[in-house]
Amino acid sequence: MKTLSINQEVLSEETLVSYKGYNFSVASEQGGQYGFERRVNIRVVQEDLTKTFLQRVGIIRLFEVDKIVRESRSVGCLIIGETIYSVCLERAKEFIKEYVDFIKE
């Protein structure tokens, strides 16, 4: 009997983005009931190194594609239905720039 080896690879992509004195973590994560979700989230890194969730950049689930597209839109995900890390990182940097420039004005 063959076993489906899914979700064996640990997601380790995380990038620290600094912009105008603010620090953000952009990281891929797995989640969901069985670990079938892939998400890329932006978190604000505080001075005491705690992280506060700011925005979801990418989200995808291995099953129920239509549902995840609806969920992505409902939570204001920046990229619908994708978690390609390089694409999400670039979109995250654009969002961070817009966000910081907005709060600095």
PDB file of N, CA and C in Angstrom:
ATOM      1  N   MET A   1       0.848  -1.178   0.000  1.00  0.00           N
ATOM      2  CA  MET A   1       0.000   0.000   0.000  1.00  0.00           C
ATOM      3  C   MET A   1       0.890   1.236   0.000  1.00  0.00           C
ATOM      4  N   LYS A   2       0.565   2.183  -0.863  1.00  0.00           N
ATOM      5  CA  LYS A   2       1.329   3.431  -0.917  1.00  0.00           C
ATOM      6  C   LYS A   2       0.736   4.447   0.051  1.00  0.00           C
ATOM      7  N   THR A   3       1.606   5.239   0.628  1.00  0.00           N
ATOM      8  CA  THR A   3       1.181   6.313   1.516  1.00  0.00           C
ATOM      9  C   THR A   3       1.391   7.640   0.814  1.00  0.00           C
ATOM     10  N   LEU A   4       0.408   8.488   0.897  1.00  0.00           N
ATOM     11  CA  LEU A   4       0.524   9.816   0.306  1.00  0.00           C
ATOM     12  C   LEU A   4       1.389  10.675   1.214  1.00  0.00           C
ATOM     13  N   SER A   5       2.585  11.014   0.745  1.00  0.00           N
ATOM     14  CA  SER A   5       3.508  11.823   1.538  1.00  0.00           C
ATOM     15  C   SER A   5       3.282  13.295   1.206  1.00  0.00           C
ATOM     16  N   ILE A   6       2.351  13.876   1.889  1.00  0.00           N
ATOM     17  CA  ILE A   6       2.014  15.270   1.630  1.00  0.00           C
ATOM     18  C   ILE A   6       2.343  16.067   2.888  1.00  0.00           C
ATOM     19  N   ASN A   7       2.752  17.278   2.696  1.00  0.00           N
ATOM     20  CA  ASN A   7       2.988  18.162   3.827  1.00  0.00           C
ATOM     21  C   ASN A   7       4.151  17.694   4.689  1.00  0.00           C
ATOM     22  N   GLN A   8       5.152  17.077   4.091  1.00  0.00           N
ATOM     23  CA  GLN A   8       6.311  16.627   4.845  1.00  0.00           C
ATOM     24  C   GLN A   8       7.393  17.694   4.941  1.00  0.00           C
ATOM     25  N   GLU A   9       7.390  18.617   3.998  1.00  0.00           N
ATOM     26  CA  GLU A   9       8.433  19.632   3.956  1.00  0.00           C
ATOM     27  C   GLU A   9       8.089  20.781   4.892  1.00  0.00           C
ATOM     28  N   VAL A  10       9.018  21.115   5.751  1.00  0.00           N
ATOM     29  CA  VAL A  10       8.805  22.217   6.686  1.00  0.00           C
ATOM     30  C   VAL A  10       8.950  23.537   5.933  1.00  0.00           C
ATOM     31  N   LEU A  11       8.011  24.433   6.154  1.00  0.00           N
ATOM     32  CA  LEU A  11       8.084  25.742   5.518  1.00  0.00           C
ATOM     33  C   LEU A  11       8.989  26.630   6.357  1.00  0.00           C
ATOM     34  N   SER A  12      10.071  27.088   5.749  1.00  0.00           N
ATOM     35  CA  SER A  12      11.049  27.850   6.524  1.00  0.00           C
ATOM     36  C   SER A  12      11.308  29.227   5.950  1.00  0.00           C
ATOM     37  N   GLU A  13      10.501  29.640   4.979  1.00  0.00           N
ATOM     38  CA  GLU A  13      10.739  30.928   4.351  1.00  0.00           C
ATOM     39  C   GLU A  13      10.242  32.052   5.257  1.00  0.00           C
ATOM     40  N   GLU A  14      11.150  32.926   5.630  1.00  0.00           N
ATOM     41  CA  GLU A  14      10.801  34.107   6.415  1.00  0.00           C
ATOM     42  C   GLU A  14      11.810  35.193   6.074  1.00  0.00           C
ATOM     43  N   THR A  15      11.307  36.385   5.876  1.00  0.00           N
ATOM     44  CA  THR A  15      12.162  37.508   5.524  1.00  0.00           C
ATOM     45  C   THR A  15      11.828  38.680   6.426  1.00  0.00           C
ATOM     46  N   LEU A  16      12.856  39.336   6.928  1.00  0.00           N
ATOM     47  CA  LEU A  16      12.669  40.554   7.702  1.00  0.00           C
ATOM     48  C   LEU A  16      12.752  41.734   6.743  1.00  0.00           C
ATOM     49  N   VAL A  17      11.729  42.568   6.748  1.00  0.00           N
ATOM     50  CA  VAL A  17      11.684  43.743   5.896  1.00  0.00           C
ATOM     51  C   VAL A  17      11.679  44.969   6.795  1.00  0.00           C
ATOM     52  N   SER A  18      12.632  45.868   6.592  1.00  0.00           N
ATOM     53  CA  SER A  18      12.687  47.120   7.349  1.00  0.00           C
ATOM     54  C   SER A  18      12.408  48.268   6.405  1.00  0.00           C
ATOM     55  N   TYR A  19      11.546  49.188   6.859  1.00  0.00           N
ATOM     56  CA  TYR A  19      11.211  50.346   6.042  1.00  0.00           C
ATOM     57  C   TYR A  19      10.923  51.518   6.960  1.00  0.00           C
ATOM     58  N   LYS A  20      11.703  52.589   6.803  1.00  0.00           N
ATOM     59  CA  LYS A  20      11.552  53.827   7.572  1.00  0.00           C
ATOM     60  C   LYS A  20      11.453  53.589   9.077  1.00  0.00           C
ATOM     61  N   GLY A  21      12.312  52.708   9.579  1.00  0.00           N
ATOM     62  CA  GLY A  21      12.381  52.459  11.020  1.00  0.00           C
ATOM     63  C   GLY A  21      11.395  51.433  11.540  1.00  0.00           C
ATOM     64  N   TYR A  22      10.564  50.865  10.691  1.00  0.00           N
ATOM     65  CA  TYR A  22       9.608  49.833  11.097  1.00  0.00           C
ATOM     66  C   TYR A  22      10.101  48.489  10.579  1.00  0.00           C
ATOM     67  N   ASN A  23       9.905  47.443  11.379  1.00  0.00           N
ATOM     68  CA  ASN A  23      10.334  46.103  10.999  1.00  0.00           C
ATOM     69  C   ASN A  23       9.121  45.195  10.822  1.00  0.00           C
ATOM     70  N   PHE A  24       9.174  44.388   9.757  1.00  0.00           N
ATOM     71  CA  PHE A  24       8.087  43.480   9.438  1.00  0.00           C
ATOM     72  C   PHE A  24       8.665  42.109   9.128  1.00  0.00           C
ATOM     73  N   SER A  25       7.916  41.082   9.476  1.00  0.00           N
ATOM     74  CA  SER A  25       8.271  39.719   9.133  1.00  0.00           C
ATOM     75  C   SER A  25       7.293  39.243   8.060  1.00  0.00           C
ATOM     76  N   VAL A  26       7.828  38.731   6.952  1.00  0.00           N
ATOM     77  CA  VAL A  26       7.002  38.123   5.911  1.00  0.00           C
ATOM     78  C   VAL A  26       7.364  36.642   5.928  1.00  0.00           C
ATOM     79  N   ALA A  27       6.413  35.787   6.282  1.00  0.00           N
ATOM     80  CA  ALA A  27       6.734  34.379   6.484  1.00  0.00           C
ATOM     81  C   ALA A  27       5.665  33.463   5.918  1.00  0.00           C
ATOM     82  N   SER A  28       6.106  32.352   5.353  1.00  0.00           N
ATOM     83  CA  SER A  28       5.174  31.312   4.910  1.00  0.00           C
ATOM     84  C   SER A  28       4.882  30.408   6.098  1.00  0.00           C
ATOM     85  N   GLU A  29       3.645  29.953   6.160  1.00  0.00           N
ATOM     86  CA  GLU A  29       3.208  29.120   7.272  1.00  0.00           C
ATOM     87  C   GLU A  29       2.287  28.043   6.745  1.00  0.00           C
ATOM     88  N   GLN A  30       2.185  26.960   7.474  1.00  0.00           N
ATOM     89  CA  GLN A  30       1.199  25.946   7.144  1.00  0.00           C
ATOM     90  C   GLN A  30       0.163  25.935   8.249  1.00  0.00           C
ATOM     91  N   GLY A  31      -1.033  25.540   7.903  1.00  0.00           N
ATOM     92  CA  GLY A  31      -2.086  25.554   8.909  1.00  0.00           C
ATOM     93  C   GLY A  31      -3.272  24.730   8.462  1.00  0.00           C
ATOM     94  N   GLY A  32      -4.400  24.998   9.055  1.00  0.00           N
ATOM     95  CA  GLY A  32      -5.611  24.249   8.750  1.00  0.00           C
ATOM     96  C   GLY A  32      -5.702  23.010   9.604  1.00  0.00           C
ATOM     97  N   GLN A  33      -6.835  22.334   9.509  1.00  0.00           N
ATOM     98  CA  GLN A  33      -7.095  21.182  10.355  1.00  0.00           C
ATOM     99  C   GLN A  33      -6.060  20.074  10.171  1.00  0.00           C
ATOM    100  N   TYR A  34      -5.657  19.820   8.931  1.00  0.00           N
ATOM    101  CA  TYR A  34      -4.679  18.764   8.661  1.00  0.00           C
ATOM    102  C   TYR A  34      -3.358  19.308   8.144  1.00  0.00           C
ATOM    103  N   GLY A  35      -3.164  20.621   8.226  1.00  0.00           N
ATOM    104  CA  GLY A  35      -1.933  21.225   7.749  1.00  0.00           C
ATOM    105  C   GLY A  35      -1.885  21.391   6.243  1.00  0.00           C
ATOM    106  N   PHE A  36      -3.054  21.410   5.585  1.00  0.00           N
ATOM    107  CA  PHE A  36      -3.097  21.494   4.130  1.00  0.00           C
ATOM    108  C   PHE A  36      -3.135  22.923   3.625  1.00  0.00           C
ATOM    109  N   GLU A  37      -3.164  23.893   4.496  1.00  0.00           N
ATOM    110  CA  GLU A  37      -3.174  25.279   4.046  1.00  0.00           C
ATOM    111  C   GLU A  37      -1.759  25.819   3.988  1.00  0.00           C
ATOM    112  N   ARG A  38      -1.519  26.692   3.034  1.00  0.00           N
ATOM    113  CA  ARG A  38      -0.269  27.429   2.947  1.00  0.00           C
ATOM    114  C   ARG A  38      -0.634  28.906   2.965  1.00  0.00           C
ATOM    115  N   ARG A  39      -0.010  29.640   3.833  1.00  0.00           N
ATOM    116  CA  ARG A  39      -0.290  31.067   3.942  1.00  0.00           C
ATOM    117  C   ARG A  39       1.013  31.834   4.007  1.00  0.00           C
ATOM    118  N   VAL A  40       0.991  33.044   3.508  1.00  0.00           N
ATOM    119  CA  VAL A  40       2.107  33.966   3.690  1.00  0.00           C
ATOM    120  C   VAL A  40       1.529  35.183   4.386  1.00  0.00           C
ATOM    121  N   ASN A  41       2.050  35.492   5.556  1.00  0.00           N
ATOM    122  CA  ASN A  41       1.521  36.566   6.387  1.00  0.00           C
ATOM    123  C   ASN A  41       2.575  37.629   6.657  1.00  0.00           C
ATOM    124  N   ILE A  42       2.101  38.859   6.796  1.00  0.00           N
ATOM    125  CA  ILE A  42       2.961  39.970   7.211  1.00  0.00           C
ATOM    126  C   ILE A  42       2.670  40.227   8.680  1.00  0.00           C
ATOM    127  N   ARG A  43       3.722  40.309   9.466  1.00  0.00           N
ATOM    128  CA  ARG A  43       3.580  40.646  10.892  1.00  0.00           C
ATOM    129  C   ARG A  43       4.493  41.819  11.213  1.00  0.00           C
ATOM    130  N   VAL A  44       4.041  42.690  12.104  1.00  0.00           N
ATOM    131  CA  VAL A  44       4.851  43.798  12.589  1.00  0.00           C
ATOM    132  C   VAL A  44       5.738  43.246  13.704  1.00  0.00           C
ATOM    133  N   VAL A  45       7.040  43.523  13.635  1.00  0.00           N
ATOM    134  CA  VAL A  45       7.968  43.083  14.675  1.00  0.00           C
ATOM    135  C   VAL A  45       8.173  44.267  15.625  1.00  0.00           C
ATOM    136  N   GLN A  46       7.747  44.082  16.878  1.00  0.00           N
ATOM    137  CA  GLN A  46       7.849  45.131  17.887  1.00  0.00           C
ATOM    138  C   GLN A  46       9.275  45.204  18.443  1.00  0.00           C
ATOM    139  N   GLU A  47       9.553  46.225  19.215  1.00  0.00           N
ATOM    140  CA  GLU A  47      10.893  46.389  19.804  1.00  0.00           C
ATOM    141  C   GLU A  47      11.260  45.245  20.741  1.00  0.00           C
ATOM    142  N   ASP A  48      10.260  44.651  21.418  1.00  0.00           N
ATOM    143  CA  ASP A  48      10.534  43.524  22.309  1.00  0.00           C
ATOM    144  C   ASP A  48      10.532  42.180  21.560  1.00  0.00           C
ATOM    145  N   LEU A  49      10.559  42.257  20.215  1.00  0.00           N
ATOM    146  CA  LEU A  49      10.622  41.114  19.300  1.00  0.00           C
ATOM    147  C   LEU A  49       9.347  40.289  19.229  1.00  0.00           C
ATOM    148  N   THR A  50       8.252  40.763  19.813  1.00  0.00           N
ATOM    149  CA  THR A  50       6.976  40.099  19.607  1.00  0.00           C
ATOM    150  C   THR A  50       6.458  40.474  18.222  1.00  0.00           C
ATOM    151  N   LYS A  51       5.632  39.610  17.666  1.00  0.00           N
ATOM    152  CA  LYS A  51       5.103  39.833  16.327  1.00  0.00           C
ATOM    153  C   LYS A  51       3.587  39.966  16.391  1.00  0.00           C
ATOM    154  N   THR A  52       3.074  40.969  15.699  1.00  0.00           N
ATOM    155  CA  THR A  52       1.642  41.221  15.644  1.00  0.00           C
ATOM    156  C   THR A  52       1.183  41.071  14.198  1.00  0.00           C
ATOM    157  N   PHE A  53       0.145  40.260  13.978  1.00  0.00           N
ATOM    158  CA  PHE A  53      -0.365  40.037  12.627  1.00  0.00           C
ATOM    159  C   PHE A  53      -0.845  41.343  12.013  1.00  0.00           C
ATOM    160  N   LEU A  54      -0.476  41.564  10.746  1.00  0.00           N
ATOM    161  CA  LEU A  54      -0.899  42.768  10.025  1.00  0.00           C
ATOM    162  C   LEU A  54      -1.758  42.427   8.820  1.00  0.00           C
ATOM    163  N   GLN A  55      -1.272  41.568   7.925  1.00  0.00           N
ATOM    164  CA  GLN A  55      -1.984  41.328   6.673  1.00  0.00           C
ATOM    165  C   GLN A  55      -1.623  39.966   6.106  1.00  0.00           C
ATOM    166  N   ARG A  56      -2.577  39.341   5.471  1.00  0.00           N
ATOM    167  CA  ARG A  56      -2.328  38.086   4.773  1.00  0.00           C
ATOM    168  C   ARG A  56      -1.997  38.417   3.324  1.00  0.00           C
ATOM    169  N   VAL A  57      -0.928  37.839   2.806  1.00  0.00           N
ATOM    170  CA  VAL A  57      -0.513  38.124   1.432  1.00  0.00           C
ATOM    171  C   VAL A  57      -0.976  37.027   0.495  1.00  0.00           C
ATOM    172  N   GLY A  58      -0.731  35.785   0.830  1.00  0.00           N
ATOM    173  CA  GLY A  58      -1.128  34.664  -0.020  1.00  0.00           C
ATOM    174  C   GLY A  58      -1.761  33.577   0.816  1.00  0.00           C
ATOM    175  N   ILE A  59      -2.698  32.866   0.205  1.00  0.00           N
ATOM    176  CA  ILE A  59      -3.340  31.759   0.911  1.00  0.00           C
ATOM    177  C   ILE A  59      -3.776  30.734  -0.118  1.00  0.00           C
ATOM    178  N   ILE A  60      -3.554  29.481   0.177  1.00  0.00           N
ATOM    179  CA  ILE A  60      -4.045  28.426  -0.711  1.00  0.00           C
ATOM    180  C   ILE A  60      -4.285  27.170   0.128  1.00  0.00           C
ATOM    181  N   ARG A  61      -5.263  26.399  -0.276  1.00  0.00           N
ATOM    182  CA  ARG A  61      -5.553  25.131   0.377  1.00  0.00           C
ATOM    183  C   ARG A  61      -5.508  24.067  -0.709  1.00  0.00           C
ATOM    184  N   LEU A  62      -5.037  22.892  -0.381  1.00  0.00           N
ATOM    185  CA  LEU A  62      -4.892  21.856  -1.393  1.00  0.00           C
ATOM    186  C   LEU A  62      -6.233  21.342  -1.912  1.00  0.00           C
ATOM    187  N   PHE A  63      -7.307  21.571  -1.163  1.00  0.00           N
ATOM    188  CA  PHE A  63      -8.626  21.120  -1.572  1.00  0.00           C
ATOM    189  C   PHE A  63      -9.594  22.299  -1.530  1.00  0.00           C
ATOM    190  N   GLU A  64     -10.750  22.139  -2.144  1.00  0.00           N
ATOM    191  CA  GLU A  64     -11.815  23.143  -2.129  1.00  0.00           C
ATOM    192  C   GLU A  64     -11.335  24.496  -2.649  1.00  0.00           C
ATOM    193  N   VAL A  65     -10.936  24.515  -3.904  1.00  0.00           N
ATOM    194  CA  VAL A  65     -10.358  25.712  -4.497  1.00  0.00           C
ATOM    195  C   VAL A  65     -11.328  26.891  -4.480  1.00  0.00           C
ATOM    196  N   ASP A  66     -12.593  26.669  -4.839  1.00  0.00           N
ATOM    197  CA  ASP A  66     -13.561  27.773  -4.862  1.00  0.00           C
ATOM    198  C   ASP A  66     -13.732  28.394  -3.476  1.00  0.00           C
ATOM    199  N   LYS A  67     -13.759  27.560  -2.450  1.00  0.00           N
ATOM    200  CA  LYS A  67     -13.936  28.062  -1.089  1.00  0.00           C
ATOM    201  C   LYS A  67     -12.750  28.923  -0.673  1.00  0.00           C
ATOM    202  N   ILE A  68     -11.552  28.523  -1.027  1.00  0.00           N
ATOM    203  CA  ILE A  68     -10.378  29.279  -0.598  1.00  0.00           C
ATOM    204  C   ILE A  68     -10.283  30.610  -1.319  1.00  0.00           C
ATOM    205  N   VAL A  69     -10.762  30.670  -2.566  1.00  0.00           N
ATOM    206  CA  VAL A  69     -10.802  31.951  -3.272  1.00  0.00           C
ATOM    207  C   VAL A  69     -11.774  32.893  -2.574  1.00  0.00           C
ATOM    208  N   ARG A  70     -12.942  32.387  -2.187  1.00  0.00           N
ATOM    209  CA  ARG A  70     -13.921  33.212  -1.454  1.00  0.00           C
ATOM    210  C   ARG A  70     -13.342  33.668  -0.116  1.00  0.00           C
ATOM    211  N   GLU A  71     -12.685  32.736   0.599  1.00  0.00           N
ATOM    212  CA  GLU A  71     -12.095  33.071   1.897  1.00  0.00           C
ATOM    213  C   GLU A  71     -10.993  34.112   1.738  1.00  0.00           C
ATOM    214  N   SER A  72     -10.163  33.952   0.714  1.00  0.00           N
ATOM    215  CA  SER A  72      -9.078  34.900   0.473  1.00  0.00           C
ATOM    216  C   SER A  72      -9.625  36.300   0.269  1.00  0.00           C
ATOM    217  N   ARG A  73     -10.675  36.410  -0.528  1.00  0.00           N
ATOM    218  CA  ARG A  73     -11.287  37.726  -0.756  1.00  0.00           C
ATOM    219  C   ARG A  73     -11.897  38.280   0.521  1.00  0.00           C
ATOM    220  N   SER A  74     -12.558  37.422   1.307  1.00  0.00           N
ATOM    221  CA  SER A  74     -13.249  37.901   2.505  1.00  0.00           C
ATOM    222  C   SER A  74     -12.286  38.409   3.578  1.00  0.00           C
ATOM    223  N   VAL A  75     -11.068  37.843   3.635  1.00  0.00           N
ATOM    224  CA  VAL A  75     -10.103  38.314   4.636  1.00  0.00           C
ATOM    225  C   VAL A  75      -9.192  39.396   4.090  1.00  0.00           C
ATOM    226  N   GLY A  76      -9.434  39.831   2.856  1.00  0.00           N
ATOM    227  CA  GLY A  76      -8.631  40.908   2.280  1.00  0.00           C
ATOM    228  C   GLY A  76      -7.241  40.480   1.893  1.00  0.00           C
ATOM    229  N   CYS A  77      -7.088  39.222   1.478  1.00  0.00           N
ATOM    230  CA  CYS A  77      -5.785  38.710   1.059  1.00  0.00           C
ATOM    231  C   CYS A  77      -5.282  39.491  -0.149  1.00  0.00           C
ATOM    232  N   LEU A  78      -4.002  39.825  -0.162  1.00  0.00           N
ATOM    233  CA  LEU A  78      -3.445  40.637  -1.240  1.00  0.00           C
ATOM    234  C   LEU A  78      -3.275  39.860  -2.539  1.00  0.00           C
ATOM    235  N   ILE A  79      -2.988  38.569  -2.459  1.00  0.00           N
ATOM    236  CA  ILE A  79      -2.849  37.723  -3.642  1.00  0.00           C
ATOM    237  C   ILE A  79      -3.810  36.551  -3.457  1.00  0.00           C
ATOM    238  N   ILE A  80      -4.739  36.404  -4.374  1.00  0.00           N
ATOM    239  CA  ILE A  80      -5.784  35.393  -4.226  1.00  0.00           C
ATOM    240  C   ILE A  80      -5.295  34.040  -4.759  1.00  0.00           C
ATOM    241  N   GLY A  81      -5.344  33.041  -3.891  1.00  0.00           N
ATOM    242  CA  GLY A  81      -5.090  31.676  -4.322  1.00  0.00           C
ATOM    243  C   GLY A  81      -3.664  31.319  -4.647  1.00  0.00           C
ATOM    244  N   GLU A  82      -2.687  32.049  -4.157  1.00  0.00           N
ATOM    245  CA  GLU A  82      -1.284  31.729  -4.430  1.00  0.00           C
ATOM    246  C   GLU A  82      -0.468  31.820  -3.159  1.00  0.00           C
ATOM    247  N   THR A  83       0.579  31.021  -3.097  1.00  0.00           N
ATOM    248  CA  THR A  83       1.572  31.190  -2.035  1.00  0.00           C
ATOM    249  C   THR A  83       2.974  31.040  -2.593  1.00  0.00           C
ATOM    250  N   ILE A  84       3.187  31.428  -3.825  1.00  0.00           N
ATOM    251  CA  ILE A  84       4.542  31.414  -4.376  1.00  0.00           C
ATOM    252  C   ILE A  84       5.310  32.481  -3.609  1.00  0.00           C
ATOM    253  N   TYR A  85       6.299  32.061  -2.834  1.00  0.00           N
ATOM    254  CA  TYR A  85       6.899  32.959  -1.848  1.00  0.00           C
ATOM    255  C   TYR A  85       7.508  34.213  -2.472  1.00  0.00           C
ATOM    256  N   SER A  86       8.207  34.079  -3.579  1.00  0.00           N
ATOM    257  CA  SER A  86       8.851  35.255  -4.179  1.00  0.00           C
ATOM    258  C   SER A  86       7.821  36.285  -4.637  1.00  0.00           C
ATOM    259  N   VAL A  87       6.715  35.825  -5.189  1.00  0.00           N
ATOM    260  CA  VAL A  87       5.641  36.724  -5.617  1.00  0.00           C
ATOM    261  C   VAL A  87       5.010  37.397  -4.402  1.00  0.00           C
ATOM    262  N   CYS A  88       4.748  36.600  -3.363  1.00  0.00           N
ATOM    263  CA  CYS A  88       4.147  37.136  -2.140  1.00  0.00           C
ATOM    264  C   CYS A  88       5.072  38.139  -1.460  1.00  0.00           C
ATOM    265  N   LEU A  89       6.370  37.868  -1.476  1.00  0.00           N
ATOM    266  CA  LEU A  89       7.329  38.773  -0.847  1.00  0.00           C
ATOM    267  C   LEU A  89       7.336  40.127  -1.549  1.00  0.00           C
ATOM    268  N   GLU A  90       7.326  40.122  -2.869  1.00  0.00           N
ATOM    269  CA  GLU A  90       7.305  41.393  -3.605  1.00  0.00           C
ATOM    270  C   GLU A  90       6.028  42.176  -3.330  1.00  0.00           C
ATOM    271  N   ARG A  91       4.889  41.481  -3.302  1.00  0.00           N
ATOM    272  CA  ARG A  91       3.616  42.159  -3.012  1.00  0.00           C
ATOM    273  C   ARG A  91       3.595  42.649  -1.568  1.00  0.00           C
ATOM    274  N   ALA A  92       4.190  41.889  -0.663  1.00  0.00           N
ATOM    275  CA  ALA A  92       4.270  42.303   0.738  1.00  0.00           C
ATOM    276  C   ALA A  92       5.095  43.578   0.879  1.00  0.00           C
ATOM    277  N   LYS A  93       6.202  43.660   0.154  1.00  0.00           N
ATOM    278  CA  LYS A  93       7.036  44.866   0.215  1.00  0.00           C
ATOM    279  C   LYS A  93       6.273  46.079  -0.294  1.00  0.00           C
ATOM    280  N   GLU A  94       5.491  45.908  -1.364  1.00  0.00           N
ATOM    281  CA  GLU A  94       4.673  47.013  -1.869  1.00  0.00           C
ATOM    282  C   GLU A  94       3.653  47.443  -0.830  1.00  0.00           C
ATOM    283  N   PHE A  95       2.993  46.464  -0.180  1.00  0.00           N
ATOM    284  CA  PHE A  95       1.989  46.764   0.837  1.00  0.00           C
ATOM    285  C   PHE A  95       2.625  47.481   2.025  1.00  0.00           C
ATOM    286  N   ILE A  96       3.782  47.007   2.473  1.00  0.00           N
ATOM    287  CA  ILE A  96       4.475  47.623   3.607  1.00  0.00           C
ATOM    288  C   ILE A  96       4.814  49.075   3.297  1.00  0.00           C
ATOM    289  N   LYS A  97       5.309  49.332   2.113  1.00  0.00           N
ATOM    290  CA  LYS A  97       5.639  50.705   1.707  1.00  0.00           C
ATOM    291  C   LYS A  97       4.392  51.588   1.739  1.00  0.00           C
ATOM    292  N   GLU A  98       3.284  51.104   1.143  1.00  0.00           N
ATOM    293  CA  GLU A  98       2.028  51.867   1.146  1.00  0.00           C
ATOM    294  C   GLU A  98       1.529  52.097   2.574  1.00  0.00           C
ATOM    295  N   TYR A  99       1.601  51.057   3.414  1.00  0.00           N
ATOM    296  CA  TYR A  99       1.110  51.112   4.783  1.00  0.00           C
ATOM    297  C   TYR A  99       1.905  52.126   5.615  1.00  0.00           C
ATOM    298  N   VAL A 100       3.233  52.026   5.569  1.00  0.00           N
ATOM    299  CA  VAL A 100       4.082  52.920   6.359  1.00  0.00           C
ATOM    300  C   VAL A 100       3.950  54.361   5.856  1.00  0.00           C
ATOM    301  N   ASP A 101       3.965  54.549   4.541  1.00  0.00           N
ATOM    302  CA  ASP A 101       3.819  55.905   3.999  1.00  0.00           C
ATOM    303  C   ASP A 101       2.487  56.522   4.411  1.00  0.00           C
ATOM    304  N   PHE A 102       1.432  55.695   4.482  1.00  0.00           N
ATOM    305  CA  PHE A 102       0.107  56.177   4.884  1.00  0.00           C
ATOM    306  C   PHE A 102       0.110  56.605   6.355  1.00  0.00           C
ATOM    307  N   ILE A 103       0.686  55.770   7.246  1.00  0.00           N
ATOM    308  CA  ILE A 103       0.645  56.128   8.667  1.00  0.00           C
ATOM    309  C   ILE A 103       1.626  57.230   9.024  1.00  0.00           C
ATOM    310  N   LYS A 104       2.639  57.457   8.187  1.00  0.00           N
ATOM    311  CA  LYS A 104       3.617  58.522   8.455  1.00  0.00           C
ATOM    312  C   LYS A 104       3.072  59.893   8.076  1.00  0.00           C
ATOM    313  N   GLU A 105       2.049  59.930   7.205  1.00  0.00           N
ATOM    314  CA  GLU A 105       1.518  61.233   6.750  1.00  0.00           C
ATOM    315  C   GLU A 105       0.595  61.842   7.774  1.00  0.00           C
TER     316      GLU A 105
END
